[in-house]
C-alpha atoms as a PDB file:
ATOM      1  CA  MET A   1       2.078  -7.353  -1.801  1.00  0.00           C
ATOM      2  CA  PRO A   2      -0.261  -4.619  -0.401  1.00  0.00           C
ATOM      3  CA  GLU A   3       0.346  -1.157  -2.142  1.00  0.00           C
ATOM      4  CA  LEU A   4      -1.239   2.105  -2.169  1.00  0.00           C
ATOM      5  CA  PRO A   5      -4.632   0.966  -3.764  1.00  0.00           C
ATOM      6  CA  GLU A   6      -4.973  -2.175  -1.615  1.00  0.00           C
ATOM      7  CA  VAL A   7      -4.009  -0.170   1.457  1.00  0.00           C
ATOM      8  CA  GLU A   8      -6.648   2.642   0.531  1.00  0.00           C
ATOM      9  CA  THR A   9      -9.351   0.117  -0.069  1.00  0.00           C
ATOM     10  CA  MET A  10      -8.557  -1.647   3.437  1.00  0.00           C
ATOM     11  CA  VAL A  11      -9.027   1.910   4.911  1.00  0.00           C
ATOM     12  CA  ARG A  12     -12.060   3.135   2.891  1.00  0.00           C
ATOM     13  CA  GLY A  13     -13.554  -0.561   4.194  1.00  0.00           C
ATOM     14  CA  LEU A  14     -12.798   0.068   7.853  1.00  0.00           C
ATOM     15  CA  ARG A  15     -13.496   3.573   8.301  1.00  0.00           C
ATOM     16  CA  PRO A  16     -17.326   3.520   8.728  1.00  0.00           C
ATOM     17  CA  HIS A  17     -16.987   0.358  11.021  1.00  0.00           C
ATOM     18  CA  VAL A  18     -14.284   1.584  13.325  1.00  0.00           C
ATOM     19  CA  GLU A  19     -14.155   5.250  13.311  1.00  0.00           C
ATOM     20  CA  GLY A  20     -15.798   6.537  16.548  1.00  0.00           C
ATOM     21  CA  ARG A  21     -15.363   3.067  18.559  1.00  0.00           C
ATOM     22  CA  ARG A  22     -13.691   2.552  21.580  1.00  0.00           C
ATOM     23  CA  ILE A  23     -10.999  -0.026  22.248  1.00  0.00           C
ATOM     24  CA  VAL A  24     -12.000  -2.610  24.808  1.00  0.00           C
ATOM     25  CA  LYS A  25      -8.922  -4.557  24.503  1.00  0.00           C
ATOM     26  CA  ALA A  26      -5.774  -4.554  22.448  1.00  0.00           C
ATOM     27  CA  SER A  27      -3.936  -7.668  22.420  1.00  0.00           C
ATOM     28  CA  ARG A  28      -1.383 -10.168  20.335  1.00  0.00           C
ATOM     29  CA  CYS A  29      -3.190 -13.301  19.033  1.00  0.00           C
ATOM     30  CA  ARG A  30      -1.596 -16.625  19.894  1.00  0.00           C
ATOM     31  CA  CYS A  31       0.207 -17.665  16.732  1.00  0.00           C
ATOM     32  CA  SER A  32       2.991 -20.441  16.471  1.00  0.00           C
ATOM     33  CA  TYR A  33       4.439 -19.057  13.039  1.00  0.00           C
ATOM     34  CA  ARG A  34       7.057 -16.470  12.640  1.00  0.00           C
ATOM     35  CA  PRO A  35       6.208 -13.380  14.960  1.00  0.00           C
ATOM     36  CA  ILE A  36       5.510 -10.001  13.613  1.00  0.00           C
ATOM     37  CA  ASP A  37       7.367  -7.064  14.830  1.00  0.00           C
ATOM     38  CA  ILE A  38       5.227  -4.919  17.423  1.00  0.00           C
ATOM     39  CA  SER A  39       6.307  -2.224  19.508  1.00  0.00           C
ATOM     40  CA  PRO A  40       6.179  -1.361  22.192  1.00  0.00           C
ATOM     41  CA  GLY A  41       5.612  -4.251  23.791  1.00  0.00           C
ATOM     42  CA  VAL A  42       2.174  -5.512  24.133  1.00  0.00           C
ATOM     43  CA  ARG A  43       1.383  -4.774  27.905  1.00  0.00           C
ATOM     44  CA  ALA A  44       2.504  -1.179  27.104  1.00  0.00           C
ATOM     45  CA  ILE A  45       0.234  -1.029  24.235  1.00  0.00           C
ATOM     46  CA  GLY A  46      -2.601  -2.144  26.497  1.00  0.00           C
ATOM     47  CA  ARG A  47      -2.001   0.591  28.881  1.00  0.00           C
ATOM     48  CA  ARG A  48      -2.021   3.392  26.327  1.00  0.00           C
ATOM     49  CA  ALA A  49      -4.728   1.894  23.954  1.00  0.00           C
ATOM     50  CA  ASN A  50      -7.472   0.085  26.034  1.00  0.00           C
ATOM     51  CA  GLY A  51     -10.413   2.166  26.516  1.00  0.00           C
ATOM     52  CA  GLN A  52      -9.202   5.043  23.895  1.00  0.00           C
ATOM     53  CA  LEU A  53     -11.639   5.985  20.819  1.00  0.00           C
ATOM     54  CA  ILE A  54     -10.340   5.460  17.513  1.00  0.00           C
ATOM     55  CA  THR A  55     -10.886   8.853  16.144  1.00  0.00           C
ATOM     56  CA  ARG A  56      -9.553   8.733  12.633  1.00  0.00           C
ATOM     57  CA  VAL A  57      -8.751   5.884  10.033  1.00  0.00           C
ATOM     58  CA  ARG A  58      -6.389   6.980   7.099  1.00  0.00           C
ATOM     59  CA  ARG A  59      -3.756   5.539   5.091  1.00  0.00           C
ATOM     60  CA  LEU A  60      -0.107   6.888   4.955  1.00  0.00           C
ATOM     61  CA  ALA A  61       1.725   5.589   1.672  1.00  0.00           C
ATOM     62  CA  LYS A  62       1.348   1.975   2.383  1.00  0.00           C
ATOM     63  CA  ARG A  63       0.310   1.764   5.788  1.00  0.00           C
ATOM     64  CA  VAL A  64      -2.968   2.020   7.821  1.00  0.00           C
ATOM     65  CA  ILE A  65      -3.035   4.467  10.681  1.00  0.00           C
ATOM     66  CA  LEU A  66      -5.605   4.405  13.366  1.00  0.00           C
ATOM     67  CA  GLU A  67      -5.688   7.397  15.383  1.00  0.00           C
ATOM     68  CA  LEU A  68      -6.672   7.600  18.977  1.00  0.00           C
ATOM     69  CA  GLU A  69      -8.150  10.445  21.043  1.00  0.00           C
ATOM     70  CA  SER A  70      -4.908  10.423  23.091  1.00  0.00           C
ATOM     71  CA  ASP A  71      -3.081  11.683  19.849  1.00  0.00           C
ATOM     72  CA  ASP A  72      -1.161   8.149  19.881  1.00  0.00           C
ATOM     73  CA  ALA A  73      -1.701   6.306  16.699  1.00  0.00           C
ATOM     74  CA  PHE A  74      -1.223   2.568  15.725  1.00  0.00           C
ATOM     75  CA  VAL A  75       0.540   2.358  12.524  1.00  0.00           C
ATOM     76  CA  ILE A  76       0.233  -1.043  10.681  1.00  0.00           C
ATOM     77  CA  GLU A  77       2.537  -1.540   7.491  1.00  0.00           C
ATOM     78  CA  PRO A  78       1.008  -4.955   5.922  1.00  0.00           C
ATOM     79  CA  ARG A  79       3.971  -5.510   3.451  1.00  0.00           C
ATOM     80  CA  MET A  80       3.757  -8.564   1.546  1.00  0.00           C
ATOM     81  CA  THR A  81       0.934 -10.622   2.973  1.00  0.00           C
ATOM     82  CA  GLY A  82      -0.554  -8.523   5.767  1.00  0.00           C
ATOM     83  CA  LEU A  83      -4.426  -7.848   5.517  1.00  0.00           C
ATOM     84  CA  MET A  84      -6.719  -5.796   8.156  1.00  0.00           C
ATOM     85  CA  LEU A  85      -9.847  -7.437   8.351  1.00  0.00           C
ATOM     86  CA  LEU A  86     -13.325  -6.998   9.937  1.00  0.00           C
ATOM     87  CA  SER A  87     -14.485 -10.284   8.664  1.00  0.00           C
ATOM     88  CA  ASP A  88     -13.608 -14.210   8.772  1.00  0.00           C
ATOM     89  CA  PRO A  89      -9.648 -14.121   7.877  1.00  0.00           C
ATOM     90  CA  PRO A  90      -8.269 -16.821   5.356  1.00  0.00           C
ATOM     91  CA  ASP A  91      -7.504 -18.782   8.421  1.00  0.00           C
ATOM     92  CA  ARG A  92      -7.164 -18.089  12.105  1.00  0.00           C
ATOM     93  CA  GLY A  93      -3.629 -19.391  12.507  1.00  0.00           C
ATOM     94  CA  HIS A  94      -2.024 -16.605  11.193  1.00  0.00           C
ATOM     95  CA  LEU A  95      -3.958 -13.949  13.033  1.00  0.00           C
ATOM     96  CA  ARG A  96      -1.499 -11.622  14.424  1.00  0.00           C
ATOM     97  CA  PHE A  97      -3.355  -9.027  16.568  1.00  0.00           C
ATOM     98  CA  GLU A  98      -6.693  -8.002  17.619  1.00  0.00           C
ATOM     99  CA  TRP A  99      -8.571  -4.996  18.525  1.00  0.00           C
ATOM    100  CA  ARG A 100     -11.667  -5.510  20.210  1.00  0.00           C
ATOM    101  CA  LEU A 101     -14.166  -2.643  19.683  1.00  0.00           C
ATOM    102  CA  GLU A 102     -17.220  -1.730  21.840  1.00  0.00           C
ATOM    103  CA  LYS A 103     -20.858  -0.844  20.236  1.00  0.00           C
ATOM    104  CA  GLY A 104     -20.562   2.825  18.313  1.00  0.00           C
ATOM    105  CA  THR A 105     -24.107   3.114  18.749  1.00  0.00           C
ATOM    106  CA  THR A 106     -26.949   1.353  20.317  1.00  0.00           C
ATOM    107  CA  LYS A 107     -27.739  -0.271  16.788  1.00  0.00           C
ATOM    108  CA  GLU A 108     -24.370  -1.857  16.159  1.00  0.00           C
ATOM    109  CA  THR A 109     -22.741  -4.580  17.987  1.00  0.00           C
ATOM    110  CA  PRO A 110     -19.258  -5.136  19.300  1.00  0.00           C
ATOM    111  CA  LEU A 111     -16.749  -6.471  17.002  1.00  0.00           C
ATOM    112  CA  SER A 112     -13.245  -7.145  16.397  1.00  0.00           C
ATOM    113  CA  LEU A 113     -10.590  -5.783  14.054  1.00  0.00           C
ATOM    114  CA  TRP A 114      -7.984  -8.318  12.973  1.00  0.00           C
ATOM    115  CA  PHE A 115      -4.475  -7.817  11.372  1.00  0.00           C
ATOM    116  CA  TRP A 116      -3.697 -11.021   9.640  1.00  0.00           C
ATOM    117  CA  ASP A 117      -0.311 -11.930   7.965  1.00  0.00           C
ATOM    118  CA  ARG A 118       0.680 -15.385   6.586  1.00  0.00           C
ATOM    119  CA  ARG A 119       4.417 -14.926   6.190  1.00  0.00           C
ATOM    120  CA  GLY A 120       4.961 -12.456   9.434  1.00  0.00           C
ATOM    121  CA  LEU A 121       6.634  -9.646   7.630  1.00  0.00           C
ATOM    122  CA  GLY A 122       4.346  -6.901   8.524  1.00  0.00           C
ATOM    123  CA  THR A 123       4.687  -4.502  11.470  1.00  0.00           C
ATOM    124  CA  LEU A 124       2.394  -2.854  13.753  1.00  0.00           C
ATOM    125  CA  ARG A 125       3.702   0.152  15.981  1.00  0.00           C
ATOM    126  CA  LEU A 126       1.775   2.489  18.676  1.00  0.00           C
ATOM    127  CA  TYR A 127       3.495   5.956  18.209  1.00  0.00           C
ATOM    128  CA  SER A 128       3.393   9.151  20.042  1.00  0.00           C
ATOM    129  CA  PRO A 129       3.036  12.304  17.624  1.00  0.00           C
ATOM    130  CA  GLU A 130       6.676  12.866  18.254  1.00  0.00           C
ATOM    131  CA  GLU A 131       7.516   9.357  17.521  1.00  0.00           C
ATOM    132  CA  MET A 132       5.348   9.634  14.404  1.00  0.00           C
ATOM    133  CA  LEU A 133       6.927  12.573  13.086  1.00  0.00           C
ATOM    134  CA  ILE A 134      10.580  10.724  13.627  1.00  0.00           C
ATOM    135  CA  ALA A 135       9.752   7.604  11.829  1.00  0.00           C
ATOM    136  CA  LEU A 136       7.313   8.464   9.065  1.00  0.00           C
ATOM    137  CA  GLY A 137       7.697  12.605   8.856  1.00  0.00           C
ATOM    138  CA  PRO A 138       9.012  14.486   5.481  1.00  0.00           C
ATOM    139  CA  ALA A 139      12.518  13.178   6.290  1.00  0.00           C
ATOM    140  CA  ARG A 140      11.629   9.429   5.657  1.00  0.00           C
ATOM    141  CA  LEU A 141       8.574   9.751   3.347  1.00  0.00           C
ATOM    142  CA  GLY A 142       8.052  11.712   0.185  1.00  0.00           C
ATOM    143  CA  PRO A 143       4.672  13.103  -1.164  1.00  0.00           C
ATOM    144  CA  ASP A 144       2.016  10.620  -1.374  1.00  0.00           C
ATOM    145  CA  ALA A 145       1.844   9.443  -4.825  1.00  0.00           C
ATOM    146  CA  LEU A 146      -1.923  10.463  -5.211  1.00  0.00           C
ATOM    147  CA  ALA A 147      -0.891  14.082  -4.160  1.00  0.00           C
ATOM    148  CA  MET A 148       2.211  14.491  -6.320  1.00  0.00           C
ATOM    149  CA  THR A 149       1.846  17.351  -8.814  1.00  0.00           C
ATOM    150  CA  LEU A 150       3.643  17.805 -12.073  1.00  0.00           C
ATOM    151  CA  ASP A 151       5.803  20.513 -10.378  1.00  0.00           C
ATOM    152  CA  ASP A 152       6.214  17.796  -7.780  1.00  0.00           C
ATOM    153  CA  TRP A 153       7.661  15.258 -10.425  1.00  0.00           C
ATOM    154  CA  ARG A 154       9.725  18.207 -12.117  1.00  0.00           C
ATOM    155  CA  GLU A 155      11.419  18.888  -8.782  1.00  0.00           C
ATOM    156  CA  ARG A 156      12.059  15.631  -7.329  1.00  0.00           C
ATOM    157  CA  LEU A 157      13.214  13.035 -10.259  1.00  0.00           C
ATOM    158  CA  PRO A 158      16.096  15.230 -11.543  1.00  0.00           C
ATOM    159  CA  ARG A 159      17.795  14.683  -7.957  1.00  0.00           C
ATOM    160  CA  THR A 160      18.426  10.989  -8.713  1.00  0.00           C
ATOM    161  CA  GLN A 161      20.306   8.920 -11.777  1.00  0.00           C
ATOM    162  CA  ARG A 162      18.687   6.091 -11.195  1.00  0.00           C
ATOM    163  CA  ALA A 163      16.379   3.829 -13.820  1.00  0.00           C
ATOM    164  CA  ILE A 164      12.854   5.689 -13.441  1.00  0.00           C
ATOM    165  CA  LYS A 165      11.421   2.236 -12.379  1.00  0.00           C
ATOM    166  CA  VAL A 166      13.950   1.995  -9.422  1.00  0.00           C
ATOM    167  CA  ALA A 167      13.274   5.521  -8.382  1.00  0.00           C
ATOM    168  CA  LEU A 168       9.337   5.071  -8.406  1.00  0.00           C
ATOM    169  CA  LEU A 169      10.036   2.283  -5.728  1.00  0.00           C
ATOM    170  CA  ASP A 170      11.959   5.275  -3.381  1.00  0.00           C
ATOM    171  CA  GLN A 171       9.501   5.804  -0.697  1.00  0.00           C
ATOM    172  CA  LYS A 172      11.700   8.880   0.221  1.00  0.00           C
ATOM    173  CA  LEU A 173      10.892  10.528  -3.323  1.00  0.00           C
ATOM    174  CA  VAL A 174       7.207   9.385  -3.764  1.00  0.00           C
ATOM    175  CA  ALA A 175       5.578   7.280  -1.096  1.00  0.00           C
ATOM    176  CA  GLY A 176       2.918   4.666  -1.829  1.00  0.00           C
ATOM    177  CA  ILE A 177       4.207   3.024  -5.399  1.00  0.00           C
ATOM    178  CA  GLY A 178       5.043  -0.394  -5.150  1.00  0.00           C
ATOM    179  CA  ASN A 179       6.547  -2.919  -7.984  1.00  0.00           C
ATOM    180  CA  LEU A 180       3.511  -4.156  -9.548  1.00  0.00           C
ATOM    181  CA  TYR A 181       1.935  -0.448  -9.952  1.00  0.00           C
ATOM    182  CA  ALA A 182       5.147   0.971 -11.173  1.00  0.00           C
ATOM    183  CA  SER A 183       5.247  -1.519 -13.869  1.00  0.00           C
ATOM    184  CA  GLU A 184       1.617  -0.603 -15.016  1.00  0.00           C
ATOM    185  CA  ILE A 185       2.283   3.341 -14.572  1.00  0.00           C
ATOM    186  CA  LEU A 186       5.383   3.353 -16.505  1.00  0.00           C
ATOM    187  CA  HIS A 187       3.581   1.303 -19.767  1.00  0.00           C
ATOM    188  CA  LEU A 188       0.693   3.620 -19.457  1.00  0.00           C
ATOM    189  CA  ALA A 189       3.113   6.679 -19.587  1.00  0.00           C
ATOM    190  CA  ARG A 190       4.965   4.968 -22.469  1.00  0.00           C
ATOM    191  CA  ILE A 191       8.109   5.130 -20.641  1.00  0.00           C
ATOM    192  CA  HIS A 192      10.843   2.501 -20.621  1.00  0.00           C
ATOM    193  CA  PRO A 193      11.750   1.419 -17.115  1.00  0.00           C
ATOM    194  CA  GLU A 194      15.063   1.846 -17.407  1.00  0.00           C
ATOM    195  CA  HIS A 195      15.194   5.317 -18.666  1.00  0.00           C
ATOM    196  CA  PRO A 196      17.323   7.220 -16.486  1.00  0.00           C
ATOM    197  CA  SER A 197      15.088   9.545 -13.922  1.00  0.00           C
ATOM    198  CA  HIS A 198      17.165  12.584 -14.683  1.00  0.00           C
ATOM    199  CA  HIS A 199      16.863  12.437 -18.379  1.00  0.00           C
ATOM    200  CA  LEU A 200      13.029  12.679 -18.494  1.00  0.00           C
ATOM    201  CA  LYS A 201      11.695  15.208 -20.996  1.00  0.00           C
ATOM    202  CA  ALA A 202       8.825  17.416 -20.047  1.00  0.00           C
ATOM    203  CA  SER A 203       6.241  15.455 -22.057  1.00  0.00           C
ATOM    204  CA  GLN A 204       7.285  12.460 -20.358  1.00  0.00           C
ATOM    205  CA  LEU A 205       7.204  13.936 -16.883  1.00  0.00           C
ATOM    206  CA  ARG A 206       3.325  14.779 -17.898  1.00  0.00           C
ATOM    207  CA  ARG A 207       2.686  11.309 -19.070  1.00  0.00           C
ATOM    208  CA  LEU A 208       4.136   9.914 -15.709  1.00  0.00           C
ATOM    209  CA  HIS A 209       2.238  12.341 -13.634  1.00  0.00           C
ATOM    210  CA  ASN A 210      -1.156  11.645 -15.349  1.00  0.00           C
ATOM    211  CA  ALA A 211      -0.821   8.041 -15.730  1.00  0.00           C
ATOM    212  CA  THR A 212       0.066   7.783 -11.933  1.00  0.00           C
ATOM    213  CA  LEU A 213      -2.979   8.905 -11.143  1.00  0.00           C
ATOM    214  CA  THR A 214      -4.930   7.140 -13.635  1.00  0.00           C
ATOM    215  CA  VAL A 215      -3.669   3.731 -12.701  1.00  0.00           C
ATOM    216  CA  LEU A 216      -3.824   4.405  -8.672  1.00  0.00           C
ATOM    217  CA  GLU A 217      -7.365   5.946  -8.823  1.00  0.00           C
ATOM    218  CA  THR A 218      -8.708   3.305 -11.242  1.00  0.00           C
ATOM    219  CA  ALA A 219      -7.032   0.459  -9.037  1.00  0.00           C
ATOM    220  CA  ILE A 220      -8.712   1.878  -6.144  1.00  0.00           C
ATOM    221  CA  CYS A 221     -12.212   1.765  -7.681  1.00  0.00           C
ATOM    222  CA  TYR A 222     -11.554  -1.971  -8.379  1.00  0.00           C
ATOM    223  CA  GLU A 223     -10.757  -2.161  -5.107  1.00  0.00           C
ATOM    224  CA  GLY A 224      -6.945  -3.282  -5.518  1.00  0.00           C
ATOM    225  CA  SER A 225      -5.579  -6.325  -7.195  1.00  0.00           C
ATOM    226  CA  THR A 226      -5.890  -9.861  -5.856  1.00  0.00           C
ATOM    227  CA  LEU A 227      -3.218 -12.042  -7.650  1.00  0.00           C
ATOM    228  CA  ALA A 228      -2.672 -15.965  -8.018  1.00  0.00           C
ATOM    229  CA  ASP A 229      -1.615 -16.501  -4.684  1.00  0.00           C
ATOM    230  CA  GLY A 230      -5.248 -14.978  -3.658  1.00  0.00           C
ATOM    231  CA  THR A 231      -3.606 -13.428  -0.434  1.00  0.00           C
ATOM    232  CA  TYR A 232      -4.774  -9.681  -0.628  1.00  0.00           C
ATOM    233  CA  ARG A 233      -8.303  -9.337   0.410  1.00  0.00           C
ATOM    234  CA  ASN A 234     -10.402  -6.186   1.489  1.00  0.00           C
ATOM    235  CA  ALA A 235     -11.549  -5.473   4.861  1.00  0.00           C
ATOM    236  CA  LEU A 236     -14.649  -7.517   4.195  1.00  0.00           C
ATOM    237  CA  ASN A 237     -12.400 -10.575   2.896  1.00  0.00           C
ATOM    238  CA  GLN A 238     -13.412 -10.022  -0.620  1.00  0.00           C
ATOM    239  CA  ASN A 239     -11.208 -10.185  -3.667  1.00  0.00           C
ATOM    240  CA  GLY A 240     -10.355  -7.059  -5.413  1.00  0.00           C
ATOM    241  CA  SER A 241     -10.648  -7.123  -9.189  1.00  0.00           C
ATOM    242  CA  TYR A 242      -8.129  -4.612 -10.820  1.00  0.00           C
ATOM    243  CA  GLN A 243      -5.835  -7.521 -11.632  1.00  0.00           C
ATOM    244  CA  ASN A 244      -8.286  -8.124 -14.735  1.00  0.00           C
ATOM    245  CA  GLU A 245      -7.032  -4.784 -15.723  1.00  0.00           C
ATOM    246  CA  HIS A 246      -3.280  -5.277 -15.639  1.00  0.00           C
ATOM    247  CA  ARG A 247      -1.847  -4.245 -19.128  1.00  0.00           C
ATOM    248  CA  VAL A 248       1.983  -5.721 -18.148  1.00  0.00           C
ATOM    249  CA  TYR A 249       2.282  -7.003 -14.910  1.00  0.00           C
ATOM    250  CA  ALA A 250       3.092 -10.989 -14.811  1.00  0.00           C
ATOM    251  CA  HIS A 251       2.162 -10.974 -18.508  1.00  0.00           C
ATOM    252  CA  ALA A 252       5.802 -11.997 -20.029  1.00  0.00           C
ATOM    253  CA  ASP A 253       5.459 -13.254 -23.369  1.00  0.00           C
ATOM    254  CA  GLU A 254       2.017 -12.016 -24.201  1.00  0.00           C
ATOM    255  CA  PRO A 255       1.243  -9.718 -26.963  1.00  0.00           C
ATOM    256  CA  CYS A 256       1.043  -6.282 -25.822  1.00  0.00           C
ATOM    257  CA  PRO A 257      -2.728  -5.002 -25.160  1.00  0.00           C
ATOM    258  CA  THR A 258      -1.820  -1.570 -25.896  1.00  0.00           C
ATOM    259  CA  CYS A 259      -0.352  -1.529 -29.232  1.00  0.00           C
ATOM    260  CA  GLY A 260      -0.949  -5.405 -30.290  1.00  0.00           C
ATOM    261  CA  LYS A 261       2.469  -5.299 -31.657  1.00  0.00           C
ATOM    262  CA  GLY A 262       5.093  -5.932 -29.184  1.00  0.00           C
ATOM    263  CA  THR A 263       5.498  -8.753 -26.924  1.00  0.00           C
ATOM    264  CA  ILE A 264       5.639  -8.093 -23.192  1.00  0.00           C
ATOM    265  CA  GLN A 265       9.116  -8.530 -21.639  1.00  0.00           C
ATOM    266  CA  ARG A 266      10.414  -9.431 -18.364  1.00  0.00           C
ATOM    267  CA  THR A 267      13.531  -7.690 -16.876  1.00  0.00           C
ATOM    268  CA  VAL A 268      14.853  -7.334 -13.261  1.00  0.00           C
ATOM    269  CA  LEU A 269      15.573  -4.137 -11.904  1.00  0.00           C
ATOM    270  CA  ALA A 270      16.791  -3.455  -8.168  1.00  0.00           C
ATOM    271  CA  GLN A 271      16.129  -7.260  -7.602  1.00  0.00           C
ATOM    272  CA  ARG A 272      12.452  -6.608  -8.508  1.00  0.00           C
ATOM    273  CA  SER A 273      10.685  -8.268 -11.565  1.00  0.00           C
ATOM    274  CA  THR A 274       9.755  -5.722 -14.148  1.00  0.00           C
ATOM    275  CA  PHE A 275       7.228  -5.997 -17.163  1.00  0.00           C
ATOM    276  CA  PHE A 276       7.102  -3.840 -20.076  1.00  0.00           C
ATOM    277  CA  CYS A 277       6.460  -3.539 -23.837  1.00  0.00           C
ATOM    278  CA  PRO A 278       9.291  -2.745 -25.960  1.00  0.00           C
ATOM    279  CA  LYS A 279       7.216  -1.241 -28.938  1.00  0.00           C
ATOM    280  CA  CYS A 280       5.173   1.195 -26.412  1.00  0.00           C
ATOM    281  CA  GLN A 281       8.252   1.955 -24.214  1.00  0.00           C
ATOM    282  CA  ARG A 282      11.000   2.467 -26.588  1.00  0.00           C
ATOM    283  CA  ARG A 283      14.454   3.132 -24.989  1.00  0.00           C
ATOM    284  CA  ASP A 284      15.021   5.794 -27.381  1.00  0.00           C
ATOM    285  CA  ALA A 285      11.669   7.641 -26.810  1.00  0.00           C
END
């Protein structure tokens, strides 16, 4: 489930504890469940990462990036159930990878950074700068959703005739938005999820731009959304709270909290559940 707000929250939680620390050992955890995709092999990772300083922790779309002094970078994609944790994980059986870190200062103690993944859908890569450009450069990822300007929306959306909800999930068009926040953004923007992207009016594009920033920035302030399955936690193993602010996501058949007149409906677009209010988000608007 982690999308841009959740991954940004993970990164902000990790940064003060991890940046400036040296990796003592990077290793796969023993796990009897479905193995995650790790590349290159663990021995190669050890040769390239052990002893390296973590110079920067940042987010790239829905991925956590650990930059090393060698200019290599770990790229961790949590996908559905992955977490980056400094504190006790939900359980130790689903720990997938550990970075054992040395002291940063004399007042600090050694600690471990873990990648935990219940379903085993996440991935971990160690990329050189050249590999990073090929895998995650502009040819593969669009502009970050928080960095998109109104002009970016005007320029990129007319390229596709897909429904706007489907277009928002295309990481080549705009990076970082997932299923949950696409529904919330479109509701706040008062745009029907099936509206063709290339037919959005100037006023709708302005609302979409503003709604994207509002929803994502507010969700980051609330440290993301922890849903009913309880999977998502921040870096310190604490719940997010933006789920309490959701207007439409997973609220099918409930009254719309925005207009009070419509009933939230659920439909399926591109095999993903989509929630909207037919009164606030009229198809002919």
